[in-house]
Amino acid sequence: MSIPAPIATGTFLYLILGATLLGFVFASRLTGRLSKDNAEIANVVVIISTIATWLFWLCAWMHQWHPLIKPIYEE
């Protein structure tokens, strides 16, 4: 059983999003906009929020892919 293409694509996009945000934090640390402590906190926040939003997206996608409640259509 293979991973569906939309899940692989969405996961890849969330990986790119997380890496981009971590790059912004790293660049802010290098330019001096963030102190070392604030950069460490920002790294944790970016990682946790990226995982949480990916998990929320995954759950929403899975519920639409295989719904638990099937609608009953009346004609």
N, C-alpha and C. Protein backbone atom coordinates (compact mmCIF):
# COMPACT_ATOMS: atom_id res chain seq x y z
N MET A 1 0.85 -1.17 0.00
CA MET A 1 0.00 0.00 0.00
C MET A 1 0.89 1.23 0.00
N SER A 2 0.66 2.10 -0.93
CA SER A 2 1.51 3.29 -1.05
C SER A 2 0.81 4.52 -0.47
N ILE A 3 1.61 5.54 -0.25
CA ILE A 3 1.09 6.80 0.28
C ILE A 3 0.40 7.55 -0.87
N PRO A 4 -0.83 8.05 -0.66
CA PRO A 4 -1.51 8.80 -1.71
C PRO A 4 -0.71 10.06 -2.09
N ALA A 5 -0.78 10.42 -3.35
CA ALA A 5 -0.01 11.55 -3.86
C ALA A 5 -0.34 12.87 -3.15
N PRO A 6 -1.62 13.19 -2.86
CA PRO A 6 -1.89 14.45 -2.16
C PRO A 6 -1.24 14.53 -0.78
N ILE A 7 -1.16 13.41 -0.08
CA ILE A 7 -0.51 13.42 1.24
C ILE A 7 0.98 13.66 1.09
N ALA A 8 1.59 13.02 0.12
CA ALA A 8 3.03 13.21 -0.10
C ALA A 8 3.32 14.66 -0.53
N THR A 9 2.48 15.21 -1.40
CA THR A 9 2.68 16.58 -1.85
C THR A 9 2.48 17.57 -0.71
N GLY A 10 1.42 17.39 0.06
CA GLY A 10 1.17 18.28 1.19
C GLY A 10 2.26 18.21 2.24
N THR A 11 2.74 17.01 2.52
CA THR A 11 3.82 16.85 3.48
C THR A 11 5.08 17.53 2.99
N PHE A 12 5.39 17.39 1.72
CA PHE A 12 6.55 18.05 1.14
C PHE A 12 6.42 19.57 1.24
N LEU A 13 5.23 20.09 0.97
CA LEU A 13 5.03 21.54 1.06
C LEU A 13 5.17 22.04 2.50
N TYR A 14 4.69 21.26 3.47
CA TYR A 14 4.86 21.66 4.86
C TYR A 14 6.32 21.58 5.29
N LEU A 15 7.08 20.63 4.75
CA LEU A 15 8.52 20.59 5.03
C LEU A 15 9.22 21.83 4.47
N ILE A 16 8.84 22.24 3.28
CA ILE A 16 9.42 23.45 2.69
C ILE A 16 9.03 24.67 3.51
N LEU A 17 7.77 24.75 3.94
CA LEU A 17 7.32 25.87 4.76
C LEU A 17 8.11 25.94 6.07
N GLY A 18 8.26 24.82 6.75
CA GLY A 18 9.01 24.78 8.00
C GLY A 18 10.47 25.17 7.81
N ALA A 19 11.09 24.67 6.74
CA ALA A 19 12.48 25.00 6.47
C ALA A 19 12.65 26.49 6.15
N THR A 20 11.69 27.04 5.41
CA THR A 20 11.74 28.47 5.09
C THR A 20 11.62 29.32 6.35
N LEU A 21 10.70 28.96 7.21
CA LEU A 21 10.53 29.72 8.46
C LEU A 21 11.75 29.60 9.36
N LEU A 22 12.34 28.40 9.42
CA LEU A 22 13.58 28.24 10.19
C LEU A 22 14.71 29.06 9.58
N GLY A 23 14.72 29.18 8.26
CA GLY A 23 15.71 30.03 7.59
C GLY A 23 15.54 31.49 7.96
N PHE A 24 14.28 31.93 8.06
CA PHE A 24 14.02 33.32 8.49
C PHE A 24 14.52 33.56 9.91
N VAL A 25 14.29 32.59 10.78
CA VAL A 25 14.78 32.72 12.16
C VAL A 25 16.30 32.76 12.18
N PHE A 26 16.94 31.91 11.39
CA PHE A 26 18.39 31.88 11.33
C PHE A 26 18.94 33.20 10.78
N ALA A 27 18.29 33.73 9.74
CA ALA A 27 18.72 35.01 9.17
C ALA A 27 18.53 36.15 10.17
N SER A 28 17.44 36.10 10.92
CA SER A 28 17.21 37.14 11.93
C SER A 28 18.25 37.06 13.03
N ARG A 29 18.68 35.87 13.35
CA ARG A 29 19.74 35.70 14.37
C ARG A 29 21.06 36.25 13.85
N LEU A 30 21.36 36.00 12.59
CA LEU A 30 22.62 36.48 12.01
C LEU A 30 22.67 38.00 11.89
N THR A 31 21.52 38.60 11.57
CA THR A 31 21.49 40.07 11.42
C THR A 31 21.39 40.78 12.75
N GLY A 32 21.14 40.05 13.83
CA GLY A 32 21.08 40.67 15.14
C GLY A 32 19.69 41.11 15.57
N ARG A 33 18.69 40.80 14.79
CA ARG A 33 17.32 41.18 15.17
C ARG A 33 16.81 40.34 16.33
N LEU A 34 17.31 39.12 16.45
CA LEU A 34 16.91 38.24 17.55
C LEU A 34 18.14 37.91 18.39
N SER A 35 17.93 37.89 19.70
CA SER A 35 19.01 37.42 20.57
C SER A 35 19.07 35.90 20.51
N LYS A 36 20.10 35.33 21.12
CA LYS A 36 20.26 33.87 21.07
C LYS A 36 19.07 33.18 21.75
N ASP A 37 18.66 33.71 22.90
CA ASP A 37 17.53 33.09 23.62
C ASP A 37 16.23 33.18 22.81
N ASN A 38 15.97 34.35 22.22
CA ASN A 38 14.76 34.50 21.42
C ASN A 38 14.79 33.64 20.16
N ALA A 39 15.97 33.46 19.58
CA ALA A 39 16.09 32.61 18.39
C ALA A 39 15.81 31.16 18.75
N GLU A 40 16.27 30.72 19.92
CA GLU A 40 15.99 29.35 20.34
C GLU A 40 14.50 29.14 20.56
N ILE A 41 13.86 30.11 21.17
CA ILE A 41 12.41 30.02 21.38
C ILE A 41 11.68 30.02 20.03
N ALA A 42 12.12 30.88 19.12
CA ALA A 42 11.49 30.96 17.79
C ALA A 42 11.65 29.64 17.05
N ASN A 43 12.81 28.99 17.19
CA ASN A 43 13.01 27.69 16.54
C ASN A 43 12.00 26.67 17.05
N VAL A 44 11.79 26.62 18.35
CA VAL A 44 10.83 25.67 18.93
C VAL A 44 9.42 26.00 18.47
N VAL A 45 9.07 27.28 18.47
CA VAL A 45 7.73 27.69 18.06
C VAL A 45 7.48 27.33 16.59
N VAL A 46 8.46 27.58 15.74
CA VAL A 46 8.30 27.27 14.32
C VAL A 46 8.13 25.77 14.11
N ILE A 47 8.93 24.96 14.76
CA ILE A 47 8.85 23.52 14.59
C ILE A 47 7.51 22.98 15.09
N ILE A 48 7.11 23.39 16.29
CA ILE A 48 5.85 22.89 16.86
C ILE A 48 4.66 23.36 16.04
N SER A 49 4.65 24.62 15.61
CA SER A 49 3.50 25.11 14.85
C SER A 49 3.44 24.48 13.46
N THR A 50 4.58 24.21 12.85
CA THR A 50 4.58 23.54 11.55
C THR A 50 4.03 22.12 11.68
N ILE A 51 4.45 21.40 12.70
CA ILE A 51 3.95 20.03 12.91
C ILE A 51 2.46 20.05 13.23
N ALA A 52 2.03 21.01 14.05
CA ALA A 52 0.62 21.07 14.44
C ALA A 52 -0.27 21.41 13.24
N THR A 53 0.15 22.37 12.42
CA THR A 53 -0.68 22.71 11.26
C THR A 53 -0.67 21.59 10.23
N TRP A 54 0.47 20.89 10.08
CA TRP A 54 0.51 19.74 9.16
C TRP A 54 -0.43 18.64 9.65
N LEU A 55 -0.42 18.38 10.95
CA LEU A 55 -1.29 17.34 11.50
C LEU A 55 -2.76 17.72 11.35
N PHE A 56 -3.09 18.99 11.56
CA PHE A 56 -4.46 19.45 11.37
C PHE A 56 -4.88 19.29 9.91
N TRP A 57 -4.00 19.68 8.99
CA TRP A 57 -4.30 19.51 7.56
C TRP A 57 -4.49 18.03 7.22
N LEU A 58 -3.61 17.18 7.74
CA LEU A 58 -3.68 15.75 7.46
C LEU A 58 -5.00 15.16 7.97
N CYS A 59 -5.40 15.53 9.17
CA CYS A 59 -6.68 15.02 9.71
C CYS A 59 -7.85 15.50 8.87
N ALA A 60 -7.84 16.77 8.46
CA ALA A 60 -8.93 17.28 7.63
C ALA A 60 -8.97 16.57 6.29
N TRP A 61 -7.81 16.32 5.70
CA TRP A 61 -7.75 15.62 4.40
C TRP A 61 -8.24 14.18 4.55
N MET A 62 -7.82 13.51 5.60
CA MET A 62 -8.22 12.11 5.80
C MET A 62 -9.72 11.99 6.05
N HIS A 63 -10.30 12.96 6.78
CA HIS A 63 -11.74 12.90 7.04
C HIS A 63 -12.54 13.11 5.76
N GLN A 64 -12.00 13.86 4.83
CA GLN A 64 -12.70 14.04 3.56
C GLN A 64 -12.47 12.87 2.62
N TRP A 65 -11.35 12.17 2.79
CA TRP A 65 -11.01 11.05 1.92
C TRP A 65 -11.86 9.83 2.26
N HIS A 66 -11.97 9.54 3.56
CA HIS A 66 -12.79 8.42 4.04
C HIS A 66 -13.72 8.94 5.15
N PRO A 67 -14.85 9.51 4.78
CA PRO A 67 -15.74 10.06 5.81
C PRO A 67 -16.33 8.97 6.70
N LEU A 68 -16.47 9.27 7.97
CA LEU A 68 -17.06 8.32 8.91
C LEU A 68 -18.57 8.25 8.79
N ILE A 69 -19.18 9.38 8.45
CA ILE A 69 -20.63 9.44 8.30
C ILE A 69 -20.93 9.68 6.82
N LYS A 70 -21.66 8.77 6.24
CA LYS A 70 -21.99 8.91 4.83
C LYS A 70 -23.37 9.58 4.71
N PRO A 71 -23.47 10.58 3.85
CA PRO A 71 -24.76 11.28 3.71
C PRO A 71 -25.80 10.37 3.04
N ILE A 72 -27.03 10.57 3.42
CA ILE A 72 -28.15 9.83 2.83
C ILE A 72 -28.89 10.81 1.92
N TYR A 73 -28.91 10.51 0.65
CA TYR A 73 -29.54 11.39 -0.32
C TYR A 73 -30.98 10.94 -0.56
N GLU A 74 -31.89 11.89 -0.50
CA GLU A 74 -33.29 11.60 -0.78
C GLU A 74 -33.63 12.11 -2.16
N GLU A 75 -34.33 11.31 -2.90
CA GLU A 75 -34.68 11.71 -4.26
C GLU A 75 -36.09 12.20 -4.35
